[in-house]
PDB file of N, CA and C in Angstrom:
ATOM      1  N   MET A   1      84.463 132.428  93.227  1.00  0.00           N
ATOM      2  CA  MET A   1      84.880 131.059  93.065  1.00  0.00           C
ATOM      3  C   MET A   1      83.716 130.090  93.246  1.00  0.00           C
ATOM      4  N   LEU A   2      82.826 130.446  94.114  1.00  0.00           N
ATOM      5  CA  LEU A   2      81.668 129.596  94.322  1.00  0.00           C
ATOM      6  C   LEU A   2      80.852 129.496  93.044  1.00  0.00           C
ATOM      7  N   MET A   3      80.825 130.590  92.307  1.00  0.00           N
ATOM      8  CA  MET A   3      80.093 130.615  91.044  1.00  0.00           C
ATOM      9  C   MET A   3      80.720 129.646  90.042  1.00  0.00           C
ATOM     10  N   ASP A   4      82.034 129.591  89.993  1.00  0.00           N
ATOM     11  CA  ASP A   4      82.721 128.679  89.083  1.00  0.00           C
ATOM     12  C   ASP A   4      82.400 127.225  89.420  1.00  0.00           C
ATOM     13  N   GLU A   5      82.343 126.923  90.712  1.00  0.00           N
ATOM     14  CA  GLU A   5      82.033 125.559  91.120  1.00  0.00           C
ATOM     15  C   GLU A   5      80.613 125.182  90.724  1.00  0.00           C
ATOM     16  N   GLU A   6      79.671 126.137  90.850  1.00  0.00           N
ATOM     17  CA  GLU A   6      78.291 125.864  90.465  1.00  0.00           C
ATOM     18  C   GLU A   6      78.187 125.609  88.971  1.00  0.00           C
ATOM     19  N   LEU A   7      78.919 126.379  88.183  1.00  0.00           N
ATOM     20  CA  LEU A   7      78.912 126.179  86.738  1.00  0.00           C
ATOM     21  C   LEU A   7      79.482 124.821  86.376  1.00  0.00           C
ATOM     22  N   ASN A   8      80.556 124.462  87.040  1.00  0.00           N
ATOM     23  CA  ASN A   8      81.163 123.170  86.750  1.00  0.00           C
ATOM     24  C   ASN A   8      80.225 122.028  87.105  1.00  0.00           C
ATOM     25  N   ASP A   9      79.501 122.177  88.227  1.00  0.00           N
ATOM     26  CA  ASP A   9      78.542 121.145  88.611  1.00  0.00           C
ATOM     27  C   ASP A   9      77.424 121.033  87.581  1.00  0.00           C
ATOM     28  N   SER A  10      76.936 122.180  87.072  1.00  0.00           N
ATOM     29  CA  SER A  10      75.869 122.131  86.074  1.00  0.00           C
ATOM     30  C   SER A  10      76.387 121.582  84.752  1.00  0.00           C
ATOM     31  N   ASP A  11      77.635 121.908  84.427  1.00  0.00           N
ATOM     32  CA  ASP A  11      78.224 121.361  83.205  1.00  0.00           C
ATOM     33  C   ASP A  11      78.330 119.847  83.294  1.00  0.00           C
ATOM     34  N   ILE A  12      78.714 119.380  84.457  1.00  0.00           N
ATOM     35  CA  ILE A  12      78.845 117.941  84.646  1.00  0.00           C
ATOM     36  C   ILE A  12      77.483 117.272  84.523  1.00  0.00           C
ATOM     37  N   SER A  13      76.458 117.890  85.103  1.00  0.00           N
ATOM     38  CA  SER A  13      75.136 117.278  85.024  1.00  0.00           C
ATOM     39  C   SER A  13      74.615 117.281  83.592  1.00  0.00           C
ATOM     40  N   LEU A  14      74.941 118.317  82.811  1.00  0.00           N
ATOM     41  CA  LEU A  14      74.544 118.335  81.404  1.00  0.00           C
ATOM     42  C   LEU A  14      75.262 117.242  80.627  1.00  0.00           C
ATOM     43  N   ASP A  15      76.544 117.102  80.902  1.00  0.00           N
ATOM     44  CA  ASP A  15      77.305 116.063  80.223  1.00  0.00           C
ATOM     45  C   ASP A  15      76.766 114.681  80.571  1.00  0.00           C
ATOM     46  N   ASP A  16      76.385 114.502  81.838  1.00  0.00           N
ATOM     47  CA  ASP A  16      75.841 113.216  82.256  1.00  0.00           C
ATOM     48  C   ASP A  16      74.537 112.898  81.534  1.00  0.00           C
ATOM     49  N   SER A  17      73.695 113.929  81.297  1.00  0.00           N
ATOM     50  CA  SER A  17      72.424 113.673  80.617  1.00  0.00           C
ATOM     51  C   SER A  17      72.641 113.308  79.154  1.00  0.00           C
ATOM     52  N   VAL A  18      73.700 113.847  78.560  1.00  0.00           N
ATOM     53  CA  VAL A  18      73.991 113.519  77.164  1.00  0.00           C
ATOM     54  C   VAL A  18      74.383 112.057  77.040  1.00  0.00           C
ATOM     55  N   HIS A  19      75.098 111.561  78.034  1.00  0.00           N
ATOM     56  CA  HIS A  19      75.570 110.179  77.980  1.00  0.00           C
ATOM     57  C   HIS A  19      74.661 109.223  78.742  1.00  0.00           C
ATOM     58  N   SER A  20      73.489 109.701  79.127  1.00  0.00           N
ATOM     59  CA  SER A  20      72.577 108.841  79.876  1.00  0.00           C
ATOM     60  C   SER A  20      71.868 107.868  78.941  1.00  0.00           C
ATOM     61  N   GLY A  21      71.007 107.056  79.493  1.00  0.00           N
ATOM     62  CA  GLY A  21      70.293 106.033  78.746  1.00  0.00           C
ATOM     63  C   GLY A  21      69.347 106.575  77.693  1.00  0.00           C
ATOM     64  N   GLU A  22      68.952 107.864  77.792  1.00  0.00           N
ATOM     65  CA  GLU A  22      68.029 108.430  76.815  1.00  0.00           C
ATOM     66  C   GLU A  22      68.598 108.374  75.403  1.00  0.00           C
ATOM     67  N   ASN A  23      69.870 108.618  75.283  1.00  0.00           N
ATOM     68  CA  ASN A  23      70.489 108.662  73.961  1.00  0.00           C
ATOM     69  C   ASN A  23      71.094 107.329  73.551  1.00  0.00           C
ATOM     70  N   ASP A  24      71.020 106.344  74.442  1.00  0.00           N
ATOM     71  CA  ASP A  24      71.553 105.030  74.094  1.00  0.00           C
ATOM     72  C   ASP A  24      70.823 104.439  72.897  1.00  0.00           C
ATOM     73  N   GLU A  25      69.531 104.767  72.771  1.00  0.00           N
ATOM     74  CA  GLU A  25      68.763 104.268  71.635  1.00  0.00           C
ATOM     75  C   GLU A  25      69.343 104.779  70.326  1.00  0.00           C
ATOM     76  N   LEU A  26      69.732 106.064  70.316  1.00  0.00           N
ATOM     77  CA  LEU A  26      70.321 106.629  69.102  1.00  0.00           C
ATOM     78  C   LEU A  26      71.638 105.957  68.773  1.00  0.00           C
ATOM     79  N   VAL A  27      72.434 105.714  69.797  1.00  0.00           N
ATOM     80  CA  VAL A  27      73.712 105.042  69.582  1.00  0.00           C
ATOM     81  C   VAL A  27      73.465 103.639  69.053  1.00  0.00           C
ATOM     82  N   ASN A  28      72.482 102.947  69.623  1.00  0.00           N
ATOM     83  CA  ASN A  28      72.167 101.592  69.171  1.00  0.00           C
ATOM     84  C   ASN A  28      71.671 101.576  67.735  1.00  0.00           C
ATOM     85  N   LEU A  29      70.939 102.608  67.327  1.00  0.00           N
ATOM     86  CA  LEU A  29      70.471 102.669  65.945  1.00  0.00           C
ATOM     87  C   LEU A  29      71.634 102.788  64.975  1.00  0.00           C
ATOM     88  N   LEU A  30      72.674 103.477  65.406  1.00  0.00           N
ATOM     89  CA  LEU A  30      73.834 103.628  64.539  1.00  0.00           C
ATOM     90  C   LEU A  30      74.582 102.316  64.367  1.00  0.00           C
ATOM     91  N   ASP A  31      74.445 101.429  65.333  1.00  0.00           N
ATOM     92  CA  ASP A  31      75.154 100.156  65.281  1.00  0.00           C
ATOM     93  C   ASP A  31      74.415  99.076  64.499  1.00  0.00           C
ATOM     94  N   VAL A  32      73.203  99.381  63.989  1.00  0.00           N
ATOM     95  CA  VAL A  32      72.418  98.388  63.263  1.00  0.00           C
ATOM     96  C   VAL A  32      73.127  98.057  61.952  1.00  0.00           C
ATOM     97  N   PRO A  33      73.396  96.797  61.702  1.00  0.00           N
ATOM     98  CA  PRO A  33      74.071  96.433  60.448  1.00  0.00           C
ATOM     99  C   PRO A  33      73.144  96.606  59.248  1.00  0.00           C
ATOM    100  N   TYR A  34      73.720  96.747  58.093  1.00  0.00           N
ATOM    101  CA  TYR A  34      72.992  96.962  56.838  1.00  0.00           C
ATOM    102  C   TYR A  34      72.583  95.617  56.259  1.00  0.00           C
ATOM    103  N   THR A  35      71.741  94.893  56.999  1.00  0.00           N
ATOM    104  CA  THR A  35      71.306  93.577  56.524  1.00  0.00           C
ATOM    105  C   THR A  35      69.812  93.379  56.710  1.00  0.00           C
ATOM    106  N   SER A  36      69.056  94.461  56.680  1.00  0.00           N
ATOM    107  CA  SER A  36      67.609  94.311  56.826  1.00  0.00           C
ATOM    108  C   SER A  36      67.032  93.660  55.577  1.00  0.00           C
ATOM    109  N   THR A  37      65.829  93.164  55.691  1.00  0.00           N
ATOM    110  CA  THR A  37      65.166  92.491  54.574  1.00  0.00           C
ATOM    111  C   THR A  37      64.993  93.431  53.394  1.00  0.00           C
ATOM    112  N   GLU A  38      64.601  94.671  53.662  1.00  0.00           N
ATOM    113  CA  GLU A  38      64.393  95.629  52.579  1.00  0.00           C
ATOM    114  C   GLU A  38      65.673  95.879  51.801  1.00  0.00           C
ATOM    115  N   SER A  39      66.785  96.014  52.509  1.00  0.00           N
ATOM    116  CA  SER A  39      68.030  96.302  51.810  1.00  0.00           C
ATOM    117  C   SER A  39      68.441  95.128  50.929  1.00  0.00           C
ATOM    118  N   ARG A  40      68.185  93.909  51.386  1.00  0.00           N
ATOM    119  CA  ARG A  40      68.525  92.751  50.563  1.00  0.00           C
ATOM    120  C   ARG A  40      67.662  92.691  49.314  1.00  0.00           C
ATOM    121  N   GLU A  41      66.372  93.048  49.461  1.00  0.00           N
ATOM    122  CA  GLU A  41      65.485  93.045  48.300  1.00  0.00           C
ATOM    123  C   GLU A  41      65.929  94.089  47.290  1.00  0.00           C
ATOM    124  N   GLU A  42      66.309  95.273  47.772  1.00  0.00           N
ATOM    125  CA  GLU A  42      66.752  96.329  46.873  1.00  0.00           C
ATOM    126  C   GLU A  42      68.044  95.940  46.171  1.00  0.00           C
ATOM    127  N   ASP A  43      68.944  95.291  46.903  1.00  0.00           N
ATOM    128  CA  ASP A  43      70.213  94.893  46.313  1.00  0.00           C
ATOM    129  C   ASP A  43      70.033  93.799  45.270  1.00  0.00           C
ATOM    130  N   SER A  44      68.988  92.995  45.395  1.00  0.00           N
ATOM    131  CA  SER A  44      68.809  91.882  44.477  1.00  0.00           C
ATOM    132  C   SER A  44      68.097  92.286  43.187  1.00  0.00           C
ATOM    133  N   LEU A  45      67.634  93.539  43.092  1.00  0.00           N
ATOM    134  CA  LEU A  45      66.991  93.983  41.860  1.00  0.00           C
ATOM    135  C   LEU A  45      68.010  94.033  40.737  1.00  0.00           C
ATOM    136  N   GLU A  46      67.586  93.570  39.588  1.00  0.00           N
ATOM    137  CA  GLU A  46      68.466  93.597  38.434  1.00  0.00           C
ATOM    138  C   GLU A  46      67.918  94.579  37.419  1.00  0.00           C
ATOM    139  N   TYR A  47      68.785  95.317  36.810  1.00  0.00           N
ATOM    140  CA  TYR A  47      68.400  96.296  35.809  1.00  0.00           C
ATOM    141  C   TYR A  47      69.019  95.914  34.475  1.00  0.00           C
ATOM    142  N   GLU A  48      68.318  96.264  33.428  1.00  0.00           N
ATOM    143  CA  GLU A  48      68.796  95.955  32.091  1.00  0.00           C
ATOM    144  C   GLU A  48      68.673  97.212  31.242  1.00  0.00           C
ATOM    145  N   ILE A  49      69.698  97.523  30.511  1.00  0.00           N
ATOM    146  CA  ILE A  49      69.664  98.673  29.615  1.00  0.00           C
ATOM    147  C   ILE A  49      69.075  98.212  28.290  1.00  0.00           C
ATOM    148  N   LEU A  50      68.041  98.935  27.840  1.00  0.00           N
ATOM    149  CA  LEU A  50      67.352  98.561  26.611  1.00  0.00           C
ATOM    150  C   LEU A  50      67.617  99.577  25.518  1.00  0.00           C
ATOM    151  N   HIS A  51      67.732  99.081  24.319  1.00  0.00           N
ATOM    152  CA  HIS A  51      67.809  99.927  23.130  1.00  0.00           C
ATOM    153  C   HIS A  51      66.416 100.528  22.931  1.00  0.00           C
ATOM    154  N   PRO A  52      66.294 101.722  22.381  1.00  0.00           N
ATOM    155  CA  PRO A  52      64.962 102.318  22.187  1.00  0.00           C
ATOM    156  C   PRO A  52      63.965 101.398  21.481  1.00  0.00           C
ATOM    157  N   ASN A  53      64.425 100.621  20.511  1.00  0.00           N
ATOM    158  CA  ASN A  53      63.528  99.683  19.822  1.00  0.00           C
ATOM    159  C   ASN A  53      63.036  98.588  20.768  1.00  0.00           C
ATOM    160  N   GLN A  54      63.931  98.102  21.624  1.00  0.00           N
ATOM    161  CA  GLN A  54      63.547  97.078  22.596  1.00  0.00           C
ATOM    162  C   GLN A  54      62.549  97.642  23.606  1.00  0.00           C
ATOM    163  N   LEU A  55      62.784  98.868  24.039  1.00  0.00           N
ATOM    164  CA  LEU A  55      61.879  99.515  24.985  1.00  0.00           C
ATOM    165  C   LEU A  55      60.496  99.705  24.374  1.00  0.00           C
ATOM    166  N   SER A  56      60.468 100.148  23.143  1.00  0.00           N
ATOM    167  CA  SER A  56      59.198 100.339  22.446  1.00  0.00           C
ATOM    168  C   SER A  56      58.437  99.019  22.318  1.00  0.00           C
ATOM    169  N   GLN A  57      59.139  97.961  21.991  1.00  0.00           N
ATOM    170  CA  GLN A  57      58.518  96.638  21.865  1.00  0.00           C
ATOM    171  C   GLN A  57      58.000  96.150  23.219  1.00  0.00           C
ATOM    172  N   LEU A  58      58.788  96.339  24.263  1.00  0.00           N
ATOM    173  CA  LEU A  58      58.372  95.928  25.600  1.00  0.00           C
ATOM    174  C   LEU A  58      57.117  96.687  26.038  1.00  0.00           C
ATOM    175  N   MET A  59      57.082  97.983  25.780  1.00  0.00           N
ATOM    176  CA  MET A  59      55.913  98.792  26.133  1.00  0.00           C
ATOM    177  C   MET A  59      54.687  98.341  25.345  1.00  0.00           C
ATOM    178  N   SER A  60      54.877  98.015  24.091  1.00  0.00           N
ATOM    179  CA  SER A  60      53.780  97.529  23.257  1.00  0.00           C
ATOM    180  C   SER A  60      53.256  96.187  23.774  1.00  0.00           C
ATOM    181  N   ASP A  61      54.168  95.302  24.152  1.00  0.00           N
ATOM    182  CA  ASP A  61      53.771  93.993  24.687  1.00  0.00           C
ATOM    183  C   ASP A  61      52.991  94.139  25.996  1.00  0.00           C
ATOM    184  N   ILE A  62      53.468  95.019  26.867  1.00  0.00           N
ATOM    185  CA  ILE A  62      52.777  95.245  28.141  1.00  0.00           C
ATOM    186  C   ILE A  62      51.389  95.811  27.882  1.00  0.00           C
ATOM    187  N   THR A  63      51.297  96.767  26.960  1.00  0.00           N
ATOM    188  CA  THR A  63      50.007  97.384  26.637  1.00  0.00           C
ATOM    189  C   THR A  63      49.028  96.341  26.118  1.00  0.00           C
ATOM    190  N   LYS A  64      49.482  95.480  25.205  1.00  0.00           N
ATOM    191  CA  LYS A  64      48.600  94.443  24.656  1.00  0.00           C
ATOM    192  C   LYS A  64      48.154  93.460  25.733  1.00  0.00           C
ATOM    193  N   GLU A  65      49.076  93.084  26.598  1.00  0.00           N
ATOM    194  CA  GLU A  65      48.756  92.126  27.660  1.00  0.00           C
ATOM    195  C   GLU A  65      47.715  92.697  28.628  1.00  0.00           C
ATOM    196  N   VAL A  66      47.904  93.936  29.039  1.00  0.00           N
ATOM    197  CA  VAL A  66      46.969  94.558  29.981  1.00  0.00           C
ATOM    198  C   VAL A  66      45.645  94.874  29.292  1.00  0.00           C
ATOM    199  N   GLU A  67      45.696  95.223  28.007  1.00  0.00           N
ATOM    200  CA  GLU A  67      44.476  95.532  27.249  1.00  0.00           C
ATOM    201  C   GLU A  67      43.545  94.318  27.191  1.00  0.00           C
ATOM    202  N   GLN A  68      44.108  93.126  27.107  1.00  0.00           N
ATOM    203  CA  GLN A  68      43.288  91.915  27.090  1.00  0.00           C
ATOM    204  C   GLN A  68      42.574  91.704  28.422  1.00  0.00           C
ATOM    205  N   ILE A  69      43.173  92.180  29.493  1.00  0.00           N
ATOM    206  CA  ILE A  69      42.584  91.993  30.820  1.00  0.00           C
ATOM    207  C   ILE A  69      41.588  93.103  31.144  1.00  0.00           C
ATOM    208  N   ILE A  70      41.997  94.348  30.926  1.00  0.00           N
ATOM    209  CA  ILE A  70      41.173  95.493  31.326  1.00  0.00           C
ATOM    210  C   ILE A  70      40.207  95.924  30.227  1.00  0.00           C
ATOM    211  N   GLN A  71      40.589  95.781  28.989  1.00  0.00           N
ATOM    212  CA  GLN A  71      39.761  96.106  27.826  1.00  0.00           C
ATOM    213  C   GLN A  71      39.338  97.577  27.780  1.00  0.00           C
ATOM    214  N   ILE A  72      40.341  98.441  27.762  1.00  0.00           N
ATOM    215  CA  ILE A  72      40.095  99.857  27.497  1.00  0.00           C
ATOM    216  C   ILE A  72      40.984 100.269  26.334  1.00  0.00           C
ATOM    217  N   ALA A  73      40.698 101.422  25.757  1.00  0.00           N
ATOM    218  CA  ALA A  73      41.440 101.888  24.582  1.00  0.00           C
ATOM    219  C   ALA A  73      42.938 101.994  24.898  1.00  0.00           C
ATOM    220  N   PRO A  74      43.780 101.599  23.937  1.00  0.00           N
ATOM    221  CA  PRO A  74      45.228 101.613  24.168  1.00  0.00           C
ATOM    222  C   PRO A  74      45.782 102.981  24.574  1.00  0.00           C
ATOM    223  N   THR A  75      45.216 104.054  24.039  1.00  0.00           N
ATOM    224  CA  THR A  75      45.701 105.391  24.383  1.00  0.00           C
ATOM    225  C   THR A  75      45.546 105.647  25.880  1.00  0.00           C
ATOM    226  N   TYR A  76      44.368 105.339  26.406  1.00  0.00           N
ATOM    227  CA  TYR A  76      44.114 105.551  27.825  1.00  0.00           C
ATOM    228  C   TYR A  76      44.878 104.550  28.679  1.00  0.00           C
ATOM    229  N   LEU A  77      45.048 103.366  28.162  1.00  0.00           N
ATOM    230  CA  LEU A  77      45.799 102.346  28.875  1.00  0.00           C
ATOM    231  C   LEU A  77      47.260 102.768  29.039  1.00  0.00           C
ATOM    232  N   ARG A  78      47.840 103.338  27.986  1.00  0.00           N
ATOM    233  CA  ARG A  78      49.226 103.818  28.076  1.00  0.00           C
ATOM    234  C   ARG A  78      49.351 104.937  29.103  1.00  0.00           C
ATOM    235  N   LEU A  79      48.345 105.801  29.174  1.00  0.00           N
ATOM    236  CA  LEU A  79      48.368 106.871  30.180  1.00  0.00           C
ATOM    237  C   LEU A  79      48.296 106.289  31.596  1.00  0.00           C
ATOM    238  N   LEU A  80      47.445 105.291  31.777  1.00  0.00           N
ATOM    239  CA  LEU A  80      47.360 104.629  33.084  1.00  0.00           C
ATOM    240  C   LEU A  80      48.674 103.924  33.431  1.00  0.00           C
ATOM    241  N   LEU A  81      49.235 103.234  32.458  1.00  0.00           N
ATOM    242  CA  LEU A  81      50.506 102.547  32.688  1.00  0.00           C
ATOM    243  C   LEU A  81      51.615 103.540  33.030  1.00  0.00           C
ATOM    244  N   ALA A  82      51.628 104.673  32.355  1.00  0.00           N
ATOM    245  CA  ALA A  82      52.630 105.701  32.655  1.00  0.00           C
ATOM    246  C   ALA A  82      52.458 106.194  34.091  1.00  0.00           C
ATOM    247  N   HIS A  83      51.205 106.366  34.517  1.00  0.00           N
ATOM    248  CA  HIS A  83      50.949 106.805  35.894  1.00  0.00           C
ATOM    249  C   HIS A  83      51.455 105.773  36.902  1.00  0.00           C
ATOM    250  N   PHE A  84      51.315 104.505  36.570  1.00  0.00           N
ATOM    251  CA  PHE A  84      51.760 103.432  37.455  1.00  0.00           C
ATOM    252  C   PHE A  84      53.197 103.002  37.156  1.00  0.00           C
ATOM    253  N   LYS A  85      53.922 103.844  36.429  1.00  0.00           N
ATOM    254  CA  LYS A  85      55.334 103.606  36.101  1.00  0.00           C
ATOM    255  C   LYS A  85      55.545 102.264  35.407  1.00  0.00           C
ATOM    256  N   TRP A  86      54.599 101.925  34.550  1.00  0.00           N
ATOM    257  CA  TRP A  86      54.617 100.720  33.721  1.00  0.00           C
ATOM    258  C   TRP A  86      54.651  99.439  34.554  1.00  0.00           C
ATOM    259  N   ASP A  87      54.150  99.514  35.774  1.00  0.00           N
ATOM    260  CA  ASP A  87      54.002  98.326  36.620  1.00  0.00           C
ATOM    261  C   ASP A  87      52.610  97.755  36.364  1.00  0.00           C
ATOM    262  N   LYS A  88      52.547  96.804  35.440  1.00  0.00           N
ATOM    263  CA  LYS A  88      51.244  96.279  35.002  1.00  0.00           C
ATOM    264  C   LYS A  88      50.488  95.606  36.140  1.00  0.00           C
ATOM    265  N   ASP A  89      51.199  94.925  37.025  1.00  0.00           N
ATOM    266  CA  ASP A  89      50.534  94.248  38.139  1.00  0.00           C
ATOM    267  C   ASP A  89      49.883  95.253  39.090  1.00  0.00           C
ATOM    268  N   ALA A  90      50.592  96.338  39.369  1.00  0.00           N
ATOM    269  CA  ALA A  90      50.032  97.376  40.251  1.00  0.00           C
ATOM    270  C   ALA A  90      48.809  98.018  39.611  1.00  0.00           C
ATOM    271  N   LEU A  91      48.878  98.278  38.311  1.00  0.00           N
ATOM    272  CA  LEU A  91      47.744  98.877  37.602  1.00  0.00           C
ATOM    273  C   LEU A  91      46.530  97.953  37.635  1.00  0.00           C
ATOM    274  N   ILE A  92      46.720  96.698  37.300  1.00  0.00           N
ATOM    275  CA  ILE A  92      45.604  95.748  37.262  1.00  0.00           C
ATOM    276  C   ILE A  92      44.972  95.613  38.645  1.00  0.00           C
ATOM    277  N   GLU A  93      45.794  95.485  39.664  1.00  0.00           N
ATOM    278  CA  GLU A  93      45.279  95.353  41.029  1.00  0.00           C
ATOM    279  C   GLU A  93      44.488  96.600  41.434  1.00  0.00           C
ATOM    280  N   PHE A  94      45.055  97.774  41.172  1.00  0.00           N
ATOM    281  CA  PHE A  94      44.382  99.025  41.535  1.00  0.00           C
ATOM    282  C   PHE A  94      43.083  99.187  40.763  1.00  0.00           C
ATOM    283  N   TYR A  95      43.122  98.856  39.477  1.00  0.00           N
ATOM    284  CA  TYR A  95      41.947  99.014  38.614  1.00  0.00           C
ATOM    285  C   TYR A  95      40.779  98.154  39.105  1.00  0.00           C
ATOM    286  N   PHE A  96      41.065  96.914  39.449  1.00  0.00           N
ATOM    287  CA  PHE A  96      39.989  96.027  39.889  1.00  0.00           C
ATOM    288  C   PHE A  96      39.545  96.305  41.325  1.00  0.00           C
ATOM    289  N   GLU A  97      40.417  96.873  42.136  1.00  0.00           N
ATOM    290  CA  GLU A  97      40.026  97.228  43.503  1.00  0.00           C
ATOM    291  C   GLU A  97      39.187  98.501  43.543  1.00  0.00           C
ATOM    292  N   HIS A  98      39.535  99.485  42.691  1.00  0.00           N
ATOM    293  CA  HIS A  98      38.916 100.807  42.795  1.00  0.00           C
ATOM    294  C   HIS A  98      38.002 101.175  41.632  1.00  0.00           C
ATOM    295  N   GLY A  99      38.067 100.448  40.554  1.00  0.00           N
ATOM    296  CA  GLY A  99      37.194 100.732  39.418  1.00  0.00           C
ATOM    297  C   GLY A  99      37.797 101.703  38.412  1.00  0.00           C
ATOM    298  N   LYS A 100      37.122 101.788  37.290  1.00  0.00           N
ATOM    299  CA  LYS A 100      37.600 102.590  36.167  1.00  0.00           C
ATOM    300  C   LYS A 100      37.632 104.078  36.500  1.00  0.00           C
ATOM    301  N   ALA A 101      36.535 104.604  37.046  1.00  0.00           N
ATOM    302  CA  ALA A 101      36.436 106.045  37.294  1.00  0.00           C
ATOM    303  C   ALA A 101      37.525 106.527  38.249  1.00  0.00           C
ATOM    304  N   TYR A 102      37.743 105.810  39.332  1.00  0.00           N
ATOM    305  CA  TYR A 102      38.752 106.217  40.310  1.00  0.00           C
ATOM    306  C   TYR A 102      40.162 106.057  39.741  1.00  0.00           C
ATOM    307  N   SER A 103      40.392 105.020  38.963  1.00  0.00           N
ATOM    308  CA  SER A 103      41.703 104.815  38.343  1.00  0.00           C
ATOM    309  C   SER A 103      42.027 105.951  37.383  1.00  0.00           C
ATOM    310  N   TYR A 104      41.035 106.333  36.578  1.00  0.00           N
ATOM    311  CA  TYR A 104      41.221 107.460  35.665  1.00  0.00           C
ATOM    312  C   TYR A 104      41.504 108.738  36.452  1.00  0.00           C
ATOM    313  N   ALA A 105      40.746 108.970  37.511  1.00  0.00           N
ATOM    314  CA  ALA A 105      40.920 110.187  38.309  1.00  0.00           C
ATOM    315  C   ALA A 105      42.308 110.238  38.938  1.00  0.00           C
ATOM    316  N   GLN A 106      42.786 109.129  39.445  1.00  0.00           N
ATOM    317  CA  GLN A 106      44.115 109.080  40.050  1.00  0.00           C
ATOM    318  C   GLN A 106      45.206 109.425  39.045  1.00  0.00           C
ATOM    319  N   ALA A 107      45.007 109.016  37.804  1.00  0.00           N
ATOM    320  CA  ALA A 107      46.001 109.275  36.760  1.00  0.00           C
ATOM    321  C   ALA A 107      45.790 110.630  36.094  1.00  0.00           C
ATOM    322  N   GLY A 108      44.724 111.342  36.482  1.00  0.00           N
ATOM    323  CA  GLY A 108      44.446 112.648  35.881  1.00  0.00           C
ATOM    324  C   GLY A 108      43.879 112.544  34.481  1.00  0.00           C
ATOM    325  N   ILE A 109      43.157 111.470  34.215  1.00  0.00           N
ATOM    326  CA  ILE A 109      42.581 111.224  32.890  1.00  0.00           C
ATOM    327  C   ILE A 109      41.077 111.461  32.956  1.00  0.00           C
ATOM    328  N   ILE A 110      40.547 112.117  31.937  1.00  0.00           N
ATOM    329  CA  ILE A 110      39.103 112.294  31.826  1.00  0.00           C
ATOM    330  C   ILE A 110      38.564 111.162  30.966  1.00  0.00           C
ATOM    331  N   ASP A 111      37.592 110.457  31.494  1.00  0.00           N
ATOM    332  CA  ASP A 111      36.978 109.351  30.763  1.00  0.00           C
ATOM    333  C   ASP A 111      36.244 109.916  29.551  1.00  0.00           C
ATOM    334  N   PRO A 112      36.577 109.461  28.339  1.00  0.00           N
ATOM    335  CA  PRO A 112      35.923 109.999  27.141  1.00  0.00           C
ATOM    336  C   PRO A 112      34.416 109.746  27.122  1.00  0.00           C
ATOM    337  N   MET A 113      33.952 108.770  27.859  1.00  0.00           N
ATOM    338  CA  MET A 113      32.517 108.489  27.913  1.00  0.00           C
ATOM    339  C   MET A 113      31.772 109.547  28.735  1.00  0.00           C
ATOM    340  N   ASP A 114      32.491 110.292  29.564  1.00  0.00           N
ATOM    341  CA  ASP A 114      31.873 111.328  30.390  1.00  0.00           C
ATOM    342  C   ASP A 114      31.795 112.678  29.683  1.00  0.00           C
ATOM    343  N   ILE A 115      32.449 112.810  28.540  1.00  0.00           N
ATOM    344  CA  ILE A 115      32.459 114.076  27.813  1.00  0.00           C
ATOM    345  C   ILE A 115      31.263 114.104  26.863  1.00  0.00           C
ATOM    346  N   PRO A 116      30.359 115.079  27.028  1.00  0.00           N
ATOM    347  CA  PRO A 116      29.206 115.146  26.120  1.00  0.00           C
ATOM    348  C   PRO A 116      29.641 115.612  24.732  1.00  0.00           C
ATOM    349  N   GLU A 117      28.919 115.165  23.734  1.00  0.00           N
ATOM    350  CA  GLU A 117      29.228 115.563  22.361  1.00  0.00           C
ATOM    351  C   GLU A 117      28.832 117.015  22.149  1.00  0.00           C
ATOM    352  N   ILE A 118      29.564 117.703  21.302  1.00  0.00           N
ATOM    353  CA  ILE A 118      29.247 119.091  20.984  1.00  0.00           C
ATOM    354  C   ILE A 118      27.927 119.121  20.223  1.00  0.00           C
ATOM    355  N   GLY A 119      27.039 120.000  20.634  1.00  0.00           N
ATOM    356  CA  GLY A 119      25.747 120.124  19.979  1.00  0.00           C
ATOM    357  C   GLY A 119      24.684 119.201  20.532  1.00  0.00           C
ATOM    358  N   SER A 120      25.023 118.390  21.515  1.00  0.00           N
ATOM    359  CA  SER A 120      24.021 117.486  22.083  1.00  0.00           C
ATOM    360  C   SER A 120      23.172 118.225  23.110  1.00  0.00           C
ATOM    361  N   LYS A 121      21.994 117.716  23.352  1.00  0.00           N
ATOM    362  CA  LYS A 121      21.099 118.322  24.332  1.00  0.00           C
ATOM    363  C   LYS A 121      21.708 118.265  25.733  1.00  0.00           C
ATOM    364  N   ASN A 122      22.411 117.192  26.014  1.00  0.00           N
ATOM    365  CA  ASN A 122      22.997 117.036  27.346  1.00  0.00           C
ATOM    366  C   ASN A 122      23.945 118.175  27.680  1.00  0.00           C
ATOM    367  N   LEU A 123      24.728 118.618  26.702  1.00  0.00           N
ATOM    368  CA  LEU A 123      25.667 119.705  26.923  1.00  0.00           C
ATOM    369  C   LEU A 123      24.912 120.980  27.261  1.00  0.00           C
ATOM    370  N   CYS A 124      23.848 121.274  26.523  1.00  0.00           N
ATOM    371  CA  CYS A 124      23.051 122.477  26.769  1.00  0.00           C
ATOM    372  C   CYS A 124      22.338 122.393  28.110  1.00  0.00           C
ATOM    373  N   GLU A 125      21.816 121.233  28.434  1.00  0.00           N
ATOM    374  CA  GLU A 125      21.109 121.066  29.699  1.00  0.00           C
ATOM    375  C   GLU A 125      22.048 121.228  30.882  1.00  0.00           C
ATOM    376  N   LYS A 126      23.279 120.741  30.757  1.00  0.00           N
ATOM    377  CA  LYS A 126      24.243 120.869  31.845  1.00  0.00           C
ATOM    378  C   LYS A 126      24.605 122.328  32.073  1.00  0.00           C
ATOM    379  N   LYS A 127      24.702 123.116  30.997  1.00  0.00           N
ATOM    380  CA  LYS A 127      25.045 124.526  31.145  1.00  0.00           C
ATOM    381  C   LYS A 127      23.908 125.306  31.787  1.00  0.00           C
ATOM    382  N   LEU A 128      22.658 124.923  31.520  1.00  0.00           N
ATOM    383  CA  LEU A 128      21.508 125.623  32.083  1.00  0.00           C
ATOM    384  C   LEU A 128      21.361 125.358  33.577  1.00  0.00           C
ATOM    385  N   LYS A 129      21.787 124.228  34.040  1.00  0.00           N
ATOM    386  CA  LYS A 129      21.639 123.868  35.459  1.00  0.00           C
ATOM    387  C   LYS A 129      22.670 124.570  36.233  1.00  0.00           C
TER     388      LYS A 129
END
């Protein structure tokens, strides 16, 4: 019987630790209302369904607009835009902060200016080194 009393005392102490102040933080986190700034920003986003022709036109307009600022070939610009999920502002900011080479590398693009021409001396010299 003494053993049963000891078990009950330990059970009580375990139960007390579960309901102690240590876990009050978790309980308080559950009571946080869904009104944070981030949630309001996400809720205020508006989406629009575009017809394929409208989407193509929008992508073309974005490409032309960014091309005037960055001045790289449209093919590579579209690849960069795709990497940045067509967020032109993010692309422009990243491009000017980090430069062309790093932007290309982040998007997994090889700069065509870095590729030696076939039959050029540079290609042969690079292989010999």
